[in-house]
N, C-alpha and C. Protein backbone atom coordinates (compact mmCIF):
# COMPACT_ATOMS: atom_id res chain seq x y z
N UNK A 1 0.11 -9.45 8.14
CA UNK A 1 1.13 -9.47 9.17
C UNK A 1 0.58 -8.75 10.40
N UNK A 2 0.49 -9.46 11.51
CA UNK A 2 -0.08 -8.89 12.72
C UNK A 2 0.91 -9.05 13.87
N UNK A 3 0.64 -8.33 14.95
CA UNK A 3 1.48 -8.38 16.13
C UNK A 3 1.30 -7.11 16.93
N UNK A 4 1.70 -7.15 18.18
CA UNK A 4 1.53 -6.00 19.06
C UNK A 4 2.40 -4.83 18.58
N UNK A 5 2.11 -3.64 19.09
CA UNK A 5 2.93 -2.48 18.76
C UNK A 5 4.37 -2.75 19.17
N UNK A 6 5.31 -2.42 18.27
CA UNK A 6 6.72 -2.66 18.56
C UNK A 6 7.20 -4.04 18.18
N UNK A 7 6.34 -4.85 17.55
CA UNK A 7 6.73 -6.21 17.19
C UNK A 7 7.71 -6.25 16.02
N UNK A 8 7.75 -5.17 15.22
CA UNK A 8 8.69 -5.12 14.10
C UNK A 8 8.02 -5.15 12.73
N UNK A 9 6.71 -4.92 12.69
CA UNK A 9 5.97 -5.03 11.43
C UNK A 9 6.40 -3.95 10.43
N UNK A 10 6.37 -2.70 10.85
CA UNK A 10 6.77 -1.61 9.95
C UNK A 10 8.25 -1.69 9.62
N UNK A 11 9.05 -2.19 10.55
CA UNK A 11 10.48 -2.39 10.26
C UNK A 11 10.66 -3.32 9.07
N UNK A 12 9.83 -4.36 8.99
CA UNK A 12 9.91 -5.27 7.84
C UNK A 12 9.56 -4.53 6.55
N UNK A 13 8.53 -3.69 6.59
CA UNK A 13 8.21 -2.89 5.40
C UNK A 13 9.40 -2.02 5.01
N UNK A 14 10.06 -1.42 6.00
CA UNK A 14 11.22 -0.56 5.72
C UNK A 14 12.38 -1.36 5.15
N UNK A 15 12.52 -2.60 5.56
CA UNK A 15 13.57 -3.46 4.99
C UNK A 15 13.24 -3.83 3.54
N UNK A 16 11.97 -4.15 3.30
CA UNK A 16 11.56 -4.54 1.95
C UNK A 16 11.71 -3.40 0.95
N UNK A 17 11.49 -2.17 1.41
CA UNK A 17 11.50 -1.02 0.50
C UNK A 17 12.80 -0.22 0.58
N UNK A 18 13.83 -0.81 1.12
CA UNK A 18 15.19 -0.24 1.14
C UNK A 18 15.32 1.04 1.97
N UNK A 19 14.36 1.28 2.87
CA UNK A 19 14.54 2.37 3.82
C UNK A 19 15.63 1.98 4.81
N UNK A 20 15.61 0.71 5.23
CA UNK A 20 16.68 0.14 6.05
C UNK A 20 17.42 -0.90 5.23
N UNK A 21 18.67 -1.11 5.56
CA UNK A 21 19.46 -2.14 4.89
C UNK A 21 19.62 -3.32 5.86
N UNK A 22 19.24 -4.53 5.44
CA UNK A 22 19.34 -5.68 6.35
C UNK A 22 20.78 -6.06 6.65
N UNK A 23 21.03 -6.53 7.86
CA UNK A 23 22.36 -7.01 8.24
C UNK A 23 22.66 -8.38 7.63
N UNK A 24 21.61 -9.14 7.38
CA UNK A 24 21.78 -10.47 6.79
C UNK A 24 20.48 -10.85 6.10
N UNK A 25 20.55 -11.97 5.37
CA UNK A 25 19.36 -12.45 4.68
C UNK A 25 19.17 -11.78 3.33
N UNK A 26 18.06 -12.09 2.68
CA UNK A 26 17.80 -11.53 1.36
C UNK A 26 16.30 -11.41 1.14
N UNK A 27 15.92 -10.58 0.19
CA UNK A 27 14.53 -10.40 -0.21
C UNK A 27 14.39 -10.93 -1.63
N UNK A 28 13.53 -11.91 -1.82
CA UNK A 28 13.36 -12.54 -3.13
C UNK A 28 11.92 -12.41 -3.57
N UNK A 29 11.72 -11.87 -4.76
CA UNK A 29 10.39 -11.70 -5.34
C UNK A 29 10.35 -12.39 -6.69
N UNK A 30 9.50 -13.40 -6.80
CA UNK A 30 9.34 -14.17 -8.04
C UNK A 30 10.70 -14.67 -8.55
N UNK A 31 11.50 -15.20 -7.63
CA UNK A 31 12.80 -15.77 -7.98
C UNK A 31 13.91 -14.77 -8.16
N UNK A 32 13.60 -13.47 -8.03
CA UNK A 32 14.61 -12.43 -8.23
C UNK A 32 14.98 -11.81 -6.88
N UNK A 33 16.28 -11.76 -6.60
CA UNK A 33 16.73 -11.12 -5.36
C UNK A 33 16.71 -9.61 -5.54
N UNK A 34 16.03 -8.94 -4.63
CA UNK A 34 15.89 -7.49 -4.72
C UNK A 34 16.98 -6.82 -3.90
N UNK A 35 17.80 -6.07 -4.56
CA UNK A 35 18.88 -5.35 -3.88
C UNK A 35 18.75 -3.87 -4.18
N UNK A 36 19.17 -3.06 -3.26
CA UNK A 36 19.15 -1.62 -3.47
C UNK A 36 19.34 -0.88 -2.17
N UNK A 37 19.75 0.36 -2.28
CA UNK A 37 20.00 1.16 -1.09
C UNK A 37 19.10 2.38 -1.01
N UNK A 38 18.22 2.57 -2.00
CA UNK A 38 17.34 3.73 -2.01
C UNK A 38 15.89 3.28 -2.24
N UNK A 39 14.92 3.93 -1.57
CA UNK A 39 13.53 3.52 -1.72
C UNK A 39 13.01 3.55 -3.16
N UNK A 40 13.48 4.48 -3.99
CA UNK A 40 12.95 4.53 -5.36
C UNK A 40 13.35 3.28 -6.15
N UNK A 41 14.41 2.60 -5.71
CA UNK A 41 14.78 1.34 -6.36
C UNK A 41 13.72 0.28 -6.11
N UNK A 42 13.14 0.30 -4.92
CA UNK A 42 12.10 -0.67 -4.60
C UNK A 42 10.88 -0.49 -5.51
N UNK A 43 10.54 0.76 -5.82
CA UNK A 43 9.41 1.02 -6.71
C UNK A 43 9.70 0.45 -8.09
N UNK A 44 10.91 0.65 -8.59
CA UNK A 44 11.28 0.11 -9.90
C UNK A 44 11.26 -1.41 -9.90
N UNK A 45 11.47 -2.03 -8.73
CA UNK A 45 11.47 -3.49 -8.63
C UNK A 45 10.07 -4.07 -8.42
N UNK A 46 9.07 -3.20 -8.29
CA UNK A 46 7.70 -3.69 -8.19
C UNK A 46 7.09 -3.66 -6.81
N UNK A 47 7.69 -2.90 -5.88
CA UNK A 47 7.14 -2.78 -4.53
C UNK A 47 6.64 -1.36 -4.31
N UNK A 48 5.43 -1.23 -3.80
CA UNK A 48 4.89 0.10 -3.50
C UNK A 48 4.16 0.02 -2.17
N UNK A 49 4.14 1.14 -1.42
CA UNK A 49 3.63 1.07 -0.06
C UNK A 49 2.81 2.30 0.31
N UNK A 50 2.02 2.13 1.37
CA UNK A 50 1.40 3.24 2.07
C UNK A 50 2.02 3.28 3.47
N UNK A 51 1.61 4.29 4.27
CA UNK A 51 2.26 4.51 5.55
C UNK A 51 1.23 4.56 6.68
N UNK A 52 1.71 4.30 7.91
CA UNK A 52 0.84 4.42 9.08
C UNK A 52 0.26 5.83 9.17
N UNK A 53 1.13 6.82 9.05
CA UNK A 53 0.71 8.21 9.05
C UNK A 53 0.61 8.67 7.60
N UNK A 54 -0.55 9.19 7.23
CA UNK A 54 -0.81 9.54 5.84
C UNK A 54 0.24 10.53 5.33
N UNK A 55 0.79 10.24 4.16
CA UNK A 55 1.82 11.09 3.57
C UNK A 55 1.42 11.50 2.16
N UNK A 56 0.42 12.35 2.10
CA UNK A 56 -0.03 12.90 0.83
C UNK A 56 0.60 14.27 0.61
N UNK A 57 0.55 14.75 -0.64
CA UNK A 57 0.90 16.13 -0.93
C UNK A 57 -0.38 16.94 -0.73
N UNK A 58 -0.53 17.46 0.47
CA UNK A 58 -1.82 18.02 0.92
C UNK A 58 -2.26 19.24 0.11
N UNK A 59 -1.32 20.01 -0.41
CA UNK A 59 -1.65 21.22 -1.16
C UNK A 59 -1.70 21.01 -2.66
N UNK A 60 -1.65 19.75 -3.08
CA UNK A 60 -1.84 19.39 -4.48
C UNK A 60 -3.20 18.75 -4.65
N UNK A 61 -3.71 18.76 -5.87
CA UNK A 61 -5.02 18.17 -6.12
C UNK A 61 -4.96 16.65 -5.96
N UNK A 62 -6.13 16.05 -5.79
CA UNK A 62 -6.24 14.60 -5.70
C UNK A 62 -5.65 13.96 -6.96
N UNK A 63 -6.01 14.50 -8.13
CA UNK A 63 -5.52 13.93 -9.38
C UNK A 63 -4.00 14.04 -9.48
N UNK A 64 -3.44 15.19 -9.09
CA UNK A 64 -1.99 15.37 -9.18
C UNK A 64 -1.24 14.45 -8.21
N UNK A 65 -1.84 14.15 -7.06
CA UNK A 65 -1.22 13.20 -6.14
C UNK A 65 -1.05 11.84 -6.79
N UNK A 66 -2.06 11.41 -7.54
CA UNK A 66 -1.96 10.12 -8.21
C UNK A 66 -0.95 10.18 -9.35
N UNK A 67 -0.94 11.30 -10.07
CA UNK A 67 -0.01 11.44 -11.20
C UNK A 67 1.45 11.36 -10.76
N UNK A 68 1.72 11.74 -9.51
CA UNK A 68 3.08 11.59 -8.98
C UNK A 68 3.52 10.13 -9.05
N UNK A 69 2.57 9.22 -8.81
CA UNK A 69 2.88 7.80 -8.87
C UNK A 69 3.26 7.33 -10.26
N UNK A 70 2.80 8.05 -11.28
CA UNK A 70 3.12 7.68 -12.66
C UNK A 70 4.41 8.32 -13.15
N UNK A 71 5.08 9.09 -12.30
CA UNK A 71 6.22 9.88 -12.74
C UNK A 71 7.29 9.04 -13.41
N UNK A 72 7.62 7.90 -12.81
CA UNK A 72 8.70 7.08 -13.36
C UNK A 72 8.33 6.41 -14.68
N UNK A 73 7.03 6.42 -15.02
CA UNK A 73 6.60 5.79 -16.25
C UNK A 73 6.56 6.76 -17.43
N UNK A 74 6.80 8.06 -17.17
CA UNK A 74 6.77 9.04 -18.24
C UNK A 74 7.87 8.80 -19.26
N UNK A 75 7.54 8.99 -20.54
CA UNK A 75 8.49 8.67 -21.61
C UNK A 75 9.07 9.91 -22.28
N UNK A 76 8.57 11.10 -21.95
CA UNK A 76 9.13 12.29 -22.57
C UNK A 76 10.36 12.77 -21.80
N UNK A 77 11.23 13.45 -22.48
CA UNK A 77 12.47 13.94 -21.87
C UNK A 77 12.22 15.23 -21.10
N UNK A 78 13.21 15.63 -20.31
CA UNK A 78 13.09 16.89 -19.57
C UNK A 78 12.89 18.06 -20.53
N UNK A 79 13.64 18.06 -21.61
CA UNK A 79 13.53 19.15 -22.57
C UNK A 79 12.15 19.18 -23.22
N UNK A 80 11.61 17.99 -23.55
CA UNK A 80 10.27 17.94 -24.14
C UNK A 80 9.22 18.47 -23.17
N UNK A 81 9.44 18.22 -21.88
CA UNK A 81 8.52 18.73 -20.87
C UNK A 81 8.62 20.24 -20.72
N UNK A 82 9.86 20.75 -20.70
CA UNK A 82 10.06 22.20 -20.54
C UNK A 82 9.46 22.97 -21.72
N UNK A 83 9.68 22.47 -22.93
CA UNK A 83 9.24 23.16 -24.13
C UNK A 83 7.82 22.77 -24.56
N UNK A 84 7.20 21.86 -23.79
CA UNK A 84 5.83 21.43 -24.07
C UNK A 84 5.65 20.91 -25.49
N UNK A 85 6.51 19.99 -25.89
CA UNK A 85 6.39 19.36 -27.20
C UNK A 85 5.09 18.55 -27.26
N UNK A 86 4.61 18.22 -28.47
CA UNK A 86 3.41 17.38 -28.59
C UNK A 86 3.52 16.06 -27.83
N UNK A 87 4.72 15.49 -27.79
CA UNK A 87 4.91 14.23 -27.07
C UNK A 87 4.60 14.40 -25.58
N UNK A 88 4.92 15.57 -25.05
CA UNK A 88 4.62 15.87 -23.64
C UNK A 88 3.11 15.86 -23.40
N UNK A 89 2.36 16.57 -24.26
CA UNK A 89 0.92 16.66 -24.07
C UNK A 89 0.24 15.30 -24.26
N UNK A 90 0.72 14.50 -25.21
CA UNK A 90 0.15 13.16 -25.39
C UNK A 90 0.35 12.32 -24.14
N UNK A 91 1.57 12.39 -23.61
CA UNK A 91 1.87 11.59 -22.42
C UNK A 91 1.06 12.07 -21.22
N UNK A 92 0.96 13.36 -21.04
CA UNK A 92 0.21 13.91 -19.92
C UNK A 92 -1.27 13.54 -20.01
N UNK A 93 -1.83 13.57 -21.20
CA UNK A 93 -3.23 13.20 -21.37
C UNK A 93 -3.45 11.73 -21.01
N UNK A 94 -2.52 10.88 -21.43
CA UNK A 94 -2.63 9.45 -21.12
C UNK A 94 -2.54 9.21 -19.62
N UNK A 95 -1.63 9.94 -18.94
CA UNK A 95 -1.47 9.80 -17.49
C UNK A 95 -2.71 10.31 -16.76
N UNK A 96 -3.29 11.42 -17.26
CA UNK A 96 -4.53 11.93 -16.67
C UNK A 96 -5.62 10.86 -16.70
N UNK A 97 -5.76 10.19 -17.83
CA UNK A 97 -6.81 9.18 -17.97
C UNK A 97 -6.56 7.99 -17.06
N UNK A 98 -5.30 7.59 -16.94
CA UNK A 98 -4.98 6.47 -16.05
C UNK A 98 -5.30 6.84 -14.60
N UNK A 99 -4.96 8.07 -14.21
CA UNK A 99 -5.22 8.51 -12.84
C UNK A 99 -6.72 8.56 -12.56
N UNK A 100 -7.50 9.03 -13.52
CA UNK A 100 -8.95 9.07 -13.35
C UNK A 100 -9.55 7.67 -13.26
N UNK A 101 -8.97 6.73 -14.00
CA UNK A 101 -9.43 5.35 -13.92
C UNK A 101 -9.24 4.79 -12.51
N UNK A 102 -8.11 5.11 -11.89
CA UNK A 102 -7.86 4.66 -10.52
C UNK A 102 -8.86 5.29 -9.56
N UNK A 103 -9.15 6.56 -9.74
CA UNK A 103 -10.14 7.21 -8.88
C UNK A 103 -11.50 6.54 -9.00
N UNK A 104 -11.86 6.10 -10.20
CA UNK A 104 -13.15 5.43 -10.40
C UNK A 104 -13.23 4.13 -9.61
N UNK A 105 -12.10 3.43 -9.49
CA UNK A 105 -12.07 2.18 -8.72
C UNK A 105 -12.51 2.45 -7.28
N UNK A 106 -12.15 3.61 -6.75
CA UNK A 106 -12.47 3.97 -5.38
C UNK A 106 -13.68 4.91 -5.28
N UNK A 107 -14.41 5.07 -6.39
CA UNK A 107 -15.58 5.96 -6.42
C UNK A 107 -15.23 7.37 -5.96
N UNK A 108 -14.06 7.87 -6.39
CA UNK A 108 -13.60 9.19 -5.97
C UNK A 108 -13.38 10.14 -7.14
N UNK A 109 -13.92 9.81 -8.31
CA UNK A 109 -13.66 10.65 -9.48
C UNK A 109 -14.17 12.07 -9.31
N UNK A 110 -15.22 12.25 -8.50
CA UNK A 110 -15.77 13.61 -8.31
C UNK A 110 -14.86 14.48 -7.45
N UNK A 111 -13.85 13.88 -6.82
CA UNK A 111 -12.93 14.64 -5.97
C UNK A 111 -11.62 14.97 -6.68
N UNK A 112 -11.54 14.74 -7.97
CA UNK A 112 -10.27 14.87 -8.69
C UNK A 112 -9.60 16.22 -8.50
N UNK A 113 -10.40 17.30 -8.44
CA UNK A 113 -9.83 18.65 -8.36
C UNK A 113 -9.75 19.19 -6.94
N UNK A 114 -10.14 18.40 -5.95
CA UNK A 114 -10.04 18.83 -4.56
C UNK A 114 -8.57 18.83 -4.12
N UNK A 115 -8.25 19.70 -3.17
CA UNK A 115 -6.96 19.58 -2.51
C UNK A 115 -6.98 18.30 -1.66
N UNK A 116 -5.90 17.55 -1.71
CA UNK A 116 -5.85 16.28 -0.97
C UNK A 116 -6.06 16.50 0.52
N UNK A 117 -5.53 17.61 1.05
CA UNK A 117 -5.65 17.88 2.47
C UNK A 117 -7.06 18.19 2.91
N UNK A 118 -7.98 18.47 1.96
CA UNK A 118 -9.36 18.79 2.30
C UNK A 118 -10.28 17.57 2.29
N UNK A 119 -9.74 16.41 1.92
CA UNK A 119 -10.56 15.19 1.89
C UNK A 119 -10.82 14.69 3.30
N UNK A 120 -11.96 14.02 3.52
CA UNK A 120 -12.18 13.32 4.80
C UNK A 120 -11.09 12.27 5.01
N UNK A 121 -10.87 11.92 6.26
CA UNK A 121 -9.76 11.04 6.62
C UNK A 121 -9.79 9.72 5.84
N UNK A 122 -10.95 9.08 5.78
CA UNK A 122 -11.03 7.78 5.11
C UNK A 122 -10.67 7.87 3.64
N UNK A 123 -11.05 8.97 2.99
CA UNK A 123 -10.73 9.13 1.57
C UNK A 123 -9.26 9.48 1.36
N UNK A 124 -8.65 10.14 2.34
CA UNK A 124 -7.21 10.36 2.25
C UNK A 124 -6.46 9.02 2.27
N UNK A 125 -6.94 8.11 3.10
CA UNK A 125 -6.36 6.76 3.13
C UNK A 125 -6.49 6.09 1.77
N UNK A 126 -7.66 6.20 1.17
CA UNK A 126 -7.89 5.57 -0.12
C UNK A 126 -7.04 6.22 -1.22
N UNK A 127 -6.88 7.54 -1.13
CA UNK A 127 -6.06 8.23 -2.12
C UNK A 127 -4.62 7.76 -2.05
N UNK A 128 -4.12 7.50 -0.84
CA UNK A 128 -2.75 7.01 -0.72
C UNK A 128 -2.59 5.64 -1.38
N UNK A 129 -3.62 4.81 -1.27
CA UNK A 129 -3.58 3.51 -1.94
C UNK A 129 -3.60 3.70 -3.46
N UNK A 130 -4.43 4.64 -3.94
CA UNK A 130 -4.47 4.95 -5.38
C UNK A 130 -3.09 5.35 -5.88
N UNK A 131 -2.43 6.21 -5.15
CA UNK A 131 -1.10 6.68 -5.58
C UNK A 131 -0.11 5.53 -5.62
N UNK A 132 -0.18 4.64 -4.63
CA UNK A 132 0.70 3.48 -4.62
C UNK A 132 0.44 2.58 -5.83
N UNK A 133 -0.83 2.41 -6.19
CA UNK A 133 -1.18 1.58 -7.34
C UNK A 133 -0.68 2.18 -8.65
N UNK A 134 -0.55 3.50 -8.69
CA UNK A 134 -0.11 4.16 -9.92
C UNK A 134 1.32 3.78 -10.32
N UNK A 135 2.09 3.26 -9.39
CA UNK A 135 3.46 2.85 -9.71
C UNK A 135 3.51 1.48 -10.38
N UNK A 136 2.31 0.87 -10.58
CA UNK A 136 2.22 -0.43 -11.24
C UNK A 136 3.00 -1.51 -10.48
N UNK A 137 2.68 -1.71 -9.20
CA UNK A 137 3.46 -2.65 -8.38
C UNK A 137 3.12 -4.11 -8.64
N UNK A 138 4.07 -4.97 -8.30
CA UNK A 138 3.79 -6.40 -8.25
C UNK A 138 3.30 -6.77 -6.85
N UNK A 139 3.79 -6.04 -5.84
CA UNK A 139 3.36 -6.25 -4.45
C UNK A 139 2.99 -4.89 -3.86
N UNK A 140 1.80 -4.81 -3.29
CA UNK A 140 1.34 -3.59 -2.64
C UNK A 140 1.42 -3.79 -1.13
N UNK A 141 2.16 -2.91 -0.45
CA UNK A 141 2.36 -3.00 0.98
C UNK A 141 1.48 -1.95 1.67
N UNK A 142 0.53 -2.39 2.45
CA UNK A 142 -0.41 -1.49 3.12
C UNK A 142 -0.15 -1.52 4.62
N UNK A 143 0.27 -0.37 5.16
CA UNK A 143 0.61 -0.27 6.59
C UNK A 143 -0.57 0.34 7.35
N UNK A 144 -1.33 -0.52 7.99
CA UNK A 144 -2.51 -0.14 8.78
C UNK A 144 -3.47 0.74 7.98
N UNK A 145 -3.97 0.26 6.85
CA UNK A 145 -4.84 1.09 6.00
C UNK A 145 -6.18 1.44 6.64
N UNK A 146 -6.62 0.64 7.62
CA UNK A 146 -7.91 0.90 8.25
C UNK A 146 -7.79 1.77 9.50
N UNK A 147 -6.58 2.19 9.84
CA UNK A 147 -6.39 3.00 11.05
C UNK A 147 -7.20 4.28 10.97
N UNK A 148 -8.00 4.54 11.97
CA UNK A 148 -8.80 5.76 12.01
C UNK A 148 -10.10 5.69 11.25
N UNK A 149 -10.37 4.59 10.56
CA UNK A 149 -11.61 4.47 9.79
C UNK A 149 -12.75 4.00 10.68
N UNK A 150 -13.97 4.43 10.34
CA UNK A 150 -15.13 3.92 11.06
C UNK A 150 -15.52 2.56 10.49
N UNK A 151 -16.42 1.82 11.14
CA UNK A 151 -16.76 0.47 10.67
C UNK A 151 -17.25 0.42 9.23
N UNK A 152 -18.01 1.42 8.80
CA UNK A 152 -18.51 1.44 7.43
C UNK A 152 -17.37 1.60 6.43
N UNK A 153 -16.43 2.50 6.74
CA UNK A 153 -15.28 2.71 5.87
C UNK A 153 -14.40 1.46 5.80
N UNK A 154 -14.24 0.80 6.95
CA UNK A 154 -13.43 -0.42 6.99
C UNK A 154 -14.06 -1.52 6.15
N UNK A 155 -15.38 -1.62 6.22
CA UNK A 155 -16.09 -2.63 5.41
C UNK A 155 -15.87 -2.36 3.93
N UNK A 156 -15.95 -1.09 3.54
CA UNK A 156 -15.71 -0.74 2.15
C UNK A 156 -14.28 -1.03 1.73
N UNK A 157 -13.34 -0.80 2.64
CA UNK A 157 -11.93 -1.08 2.34
C UNK A 157 -11.71 -2.56 2.10
N UNK A 158 -12.37 -3.42 2.87
CA UNK A 158 -12.24 -4.86 2.68
C UNK A 158 -12.61 -5.26 1.26
N UNK A 159 -13.75 -4.75 0.79
CA UNK A 159 -14.21 -5.09 -0.56
C UNK A 159 -13.24 -4.56 -1.61
N UNK A 160 -12.70 -3.37 -1.38
CA UNK A 160 -11.83 -2.76 -2.39
C UNK A 160 -10.50 -3.50 -2.47
N UNK A 161 -9.97 -3.94 -1.35
CA UNK A 161 -8.71 -4.69 -1.38
C UNK A 161 -8.89 -5.98 -2.17
N UNK A 162 -10.01 -6.66 -1.95
CA UNK A 162 -10.28 -7.87 -2.73
C UNK A 162 -10.40 -7.56 -4.21
N UNK A 163 -11.05 -6.44 -4.54
CA UNK A 163 -11.19 -6.03 -5.94
C UNK A 163 -9.83 -5.73 -6.55
N UNK A 164 -8.97 -5.05 -5.79
CA UNK A 164 -7.64 -4.69 -6.29
C UNK A 164 -6.83 -5.93 -6.63
N UNK A 165 -6.88 -6.92 -5.77
CA UNK A 165 -6.11 -8.14 -6.03
C UNK A 165 -6.53 -8.80 -7.33
N UNK A 166 -7.83 -8.82 -7.57
CA UNK A 166 -8.33 -9.48 -8.78
C UNK A 166 -8.13 -8.61 -10.01
N UNK A 167 -8.46 -7.32 -9.91
CA UNK A 167 -8.42 -6.45 -11.08
C UNK A 167 -7.01 -6.13 -11.53
N UNK A 168 -6.08 -5.97 -10.57
CA UNK A 168 -4.71 -5.58 -10.91
C UNK A 168 -3.73 -6.75 -10.85
N UNK A 169 -4.21 -7.92 -10.45
CA UNK A 169 -3.37 -9.12 -10.37
C UNK A 169 -2.09 -8.87 -9.58
N UNK A 170 -2.25 -8.33 -8.39
CA UNK A 170 -1.11 -8.05 -7.53
C UNK A 170 -1.27 -8.76 -6.19
N UNK A 171 -0.14 -8.96 -5.53
CA UNK A 171 -0.15 -9.48 -4.16
C UNK A 171 -0.27 -8.30 -3.21
N UNK A 172 -0.95 -8.49 -2.09
CA UNK A 172 -1.11 -7.45 -1.09
C UNK A 172 -0.54 -7.96 0.23
N UNK A 173 0.41 -7.22 0.78
CA UNK A 173 0.95 -7.52 2.11
C UNK A 173 0.43 -6.44 3.05
N UNK A 174 -0.27 -6.88 4.08
CA UNK A 174 -1.04 -5.98 4.91
C UNK A 174 -0.56 -6.03 6.35
N UNK A 175 -0.37 -4.85 6.95
CA UNK A 175 -0.20 -4.74 8.40
C UNK A 175 -1.49 -4.15 8.95
N UNK A 176 -2.07 -4.81 9.93
CA UNK A 176 -3.36 -4.30 10.43
C UNK A 176 -3.65 -4.83 11.82
N UNK A 177 -4.34 -4.00 12.63
CA UNK A 177 -4.79 -4.42 13.96
C UNK A 177 -6.27 -4.77 13.99
N UNK A 178 -7.00 -4.39 12.94
CA UNK A 178 -8.42 -4.69 12.89
C UNK A 178 -8.59 -6.16 12.50
N UNK A 179 -8.90 -6.99 13.48
CA UNK A 179 -8.94 -8.43 13.24
C UNK A 179 -10.10 -8.85 12.33
N UNK A 180 -11.18 -8.09 12.32
CA UNK A 180 -12.27 -8.41 11.40
C UNK A 180 -11.79 -8.25 9.96
N UNK A 181 -11.04 -7.20 9.70
CA UNK A 181 -10.48 -6.98 8.37
C UNK A 181 -9.47 -8.07 8.02
N UNK A 182 -8.57 -8.35 8.94
CA UNK A 182 -7.52 -9.35 8.69
C UNK A 182 -8.13 -10.72 8.42
N UNK A 183 -9.01 -11.16 9.29
CA UNK A 183 -9.60 -12.49 9.15
C UNK A 183 -10.54 -12.57 7.95
N UNK A 184 -11.04 -11.42 7.50
CA UNK A 184 -12.00 -11.41 6.41
C UNK A 184 -11.39 -11.45 5.03
N UNK A 185 -10.13 -11.02 4.87
CA UNK A 185 -9.57 -10.93 3.52
C UNK A 185 -8.25 -11.66 3.33
N UNK A 186 -7.57 -12.03 4.41
CA UNK A 186 -6.22 -12.58 4.25
C UNK A 186 -6.23 -14.09 3.98
N UNK A 187 -5.39 -14.52 3.05
CA UNK A 187 -5.22 -15.94 2.77
C UNK A 187 -4.24 -16.57 3.75
N UNK A 188 -3.22 -15.79 4.14
CA UNK A 188 -2.18 -16.28 5.04
C UNK A 188 -1.81 -15.17 6.00
N UNK A 189 -1.59 -15.52 7.24
CA UNK A 189 -1.24 -14.55 8.27
C UNK A 189 0.07 -14.94 8.92
N UNK A 190 0.95 -13.95 9.09
CA UNK A 190 2.20 -14.12 9.82
C UNK A 190 2.12 -13.27 11.08
N UNK A 191 2.48 -13.85 12.22
CA UNK A 191 2.40 -13.16 13.50
C UNK A 191 3.80 -12.90 14.03
N UNK A 192 4.07 -11.62 14.34
CA UNK A 192 5.36 -11.23 14.90
C UNK A 192 5.21 -10.93 16.38
N UNK A 193 6.25 -11.23 17.13
CA UNK A 193 6.31 -10.88 18.55
C UNK A 193 7.75 -10.53 18.89
N UNK A 194 8.01 -9.25 19.17
CA UNK A 194 9.37 -8.77 19.47
C UNK A 194 10.37 -9.18 18.40
N UNK A 195 9.98 -8.98 17.14
CA UNK A 195 10.89 -9.21 16.03
C UNK A 195 11.00 -10.65 15.56
N UNK A 196 10.30 -11.57 16.20
CA UNK A 196 10.37 -12.99 15.82
C UNK A 196 9.01 -13.46 15.31
N UNK A 197 9.05 -14.34 14.32
CA UNK A 197 7.82 -14.95 13.83
C UNK A 197 7.42 -16.06 14.79
N UNK A 198 6.23 -15.95 15.37
CA UNK A 198 5.78 -16.98 16.32
C UNK A 198 4.72 -17.90 15.72
N UNK A 199 4.16 -17.48 14.57
CA UNK A 199 3.16 -18.34 13.93
C UNK A 199 2.91 -17.84 12.51
N UNK A 200 2.52 -18.76 11.65
CA UNK A 200 2.04 -18.40 10.32
C UNK A 200 1.08 -19.48 9.85
N UNK A 201 0.07 -19.06 9.12
CA UNK A 201 -0.92 -20.02 8.64
C UNK A 201 -2.18 -19.33 8.19
N UNK A 202 -3.23 -20.11 8.01
CA UNK A 202 -4.52 -19.59 7.57
C UNK A 202 -5.16 -18.81 8.72
N UNK A 203 -6.17 -17.97 8.42
CA UNK A 203 -6.87 -17.27 9.50
C UNK A 203 -7.39 -18.20 10.59
N UNK A 204 -7.93 -19.35 10.20
CA UNK A 204 -8.45 -20.29 11.19
C UNK A 204 -7.34 -20.84 12.07
N UNK A 205 -6.20 -21.16 11.46
CA UNK A 205 -5.07 -21.68 12.24
C UNK A 205 -4.55 -20.63 13.22
N UNK A 206 -4.48 -19.38 12.77
CA UNK A 206 -3.98 -18.31 13.64
C UNK A 206 -4.96 -18.03 14.76
N UNK A 207 -6.23 -18.06 14.45
CA UNK A 207 -7.26 -17.77 15.45
C UNK A 207 -7.21 -18.76 16.61
N UNK A 208 -6.77 -19.99 16.32
CA UNK A 208 -6.77 -21.04 17.35
C UNK A 208 -5.37 -21.37 17.87
N UNK A 209 -4.38 -20.57 17.50
CA UNK A 209 -3.00 -20.83 17.93
C UNK A 209 -2.80 -20.28 19.34
N UNK A 210 -2.41 -21.15 20.26
CA UNK A 210 -2.27 -20.74 21.66
C UNK A 210 -1.21 -19.66 21.85
N UNK A 211 -0.09 -19.76 21.12
CA UNK A 211 0.96 -18.76 21.25
C UNK A 211 0.47 -17.38 20.81
N UNK A 212 -0.32 -17.36 19.75
CA UNK A 212 -0.86 -16.08 19.26
C UNK A 212 -1.90 -15.53 20.23
N UNK A 213 -2.72 -16.40 20.74
CA UNK A 213 -3.73 -15.97 21.72
C UNK A 213 -3.06 -15.34 22.93
N UNK A 214 -2.02 -15.99 23.43
CA UNK A 214 -1.33 -15.48 24.62
C UNK A 214 -0.57 -14.19 24.35
N UNK A 215 0.03 -14.08 23.15
CA UNK A 215 0.89 -12.92 22.86
C UNK A 215 0.13 -11.74 22.31
N UNK A 216 -1.02 -12.00 21.63
CA UNK A 216 -1.63 -10.89 20.90
C UNK A 216 -3.15 -10.87 20.94
N UNK A 217 -3.80 -11.96 20.53
CA UNK A 217 -5.25 -11.92 20.36
C UNK A 217 -5.99 -11.86 21.68
N UNK A 218 -5.47 -12.58 22.70
CA UNK A 218 -6.16 -12.63 23.98
C UNK A 218 -7.33 -13.61 23.94
N UNK A 219 -7.90 -13.89 25.08
CA UNK A 219 -9.04 -14.81 25.16
C UNK A 219 -10.07 -14.22 26.10
N UNK A 220 -11.26 -14.79 26.04
CA UNK A 220 -12.34 -14.31 26.92
C UNK A 220 -12.01 -14.61 28.36
N UNK A 221 -12.38 -13.68 29.24
CA UNK A 221 -12.15 -13.89 30.68
C UNK A 221 -13.04 -15.00 31.18
C-alpha cells in the first residue's frame, strides 16, 4: 500500500486492528467478518502489526520483548504462574525456545540478552517484526518497516520478508515509501490518494499508471 504522506495508509491499519472503528463497511478475512472494539481482539483474530515509530519495551531484553508476543498463547493459570508450578516452567521453557527460533530467522540470536533499547536502529525494526510474528498471525501488517534503514539493511529486509511469507505461510500487508523494496517484493499494490484508492494492480501496472505517476511516483524532468 503506497501513497503520499496523509493519504490514509496508517489509518487503514488502525481500522483493521480496531484502533479506530469504521463508520461503514466491513473487514473480511478468509470469509470471516472481523469485528471488535479493542486492538487485542485483532490479535486473536489473526492480525498483527508493527508501527511507523518503533514501540519496543526498551528496558526489557530482546528475548523478553518477543515473549510478550506469546503471552496470549500461554496455557498456565495466574495461580500456576504465581506459585511457579511445574506447568509454568514447562510452558516458559517452550516459549523461550520459540522466541529463540524467531531470533534465528533474523540472525539475532546473539542479542537475546541485550536490552532492546541498546540495539542498532535496523535491528530494533527487525525485533518489532519478530514480536509481531510471535502472535502467530494470519496477516502481518508492516508500517514502513524500512524507514531509517540504510540500503544494505533494506536489501536484507526484502529477503527476510520473502522468507517470512514462505516459512510462516502468512500474508504480508506493507506500507512503504521505498519503491525499490515495494517493487521488489509485492505481488499487488494499492495506491491511496487523500483517502481514496486511485489504482491497484501488479508492480508493472502501477509503475506505468498515469494517475499514480502524477499523484505519487513522479516522472523524469
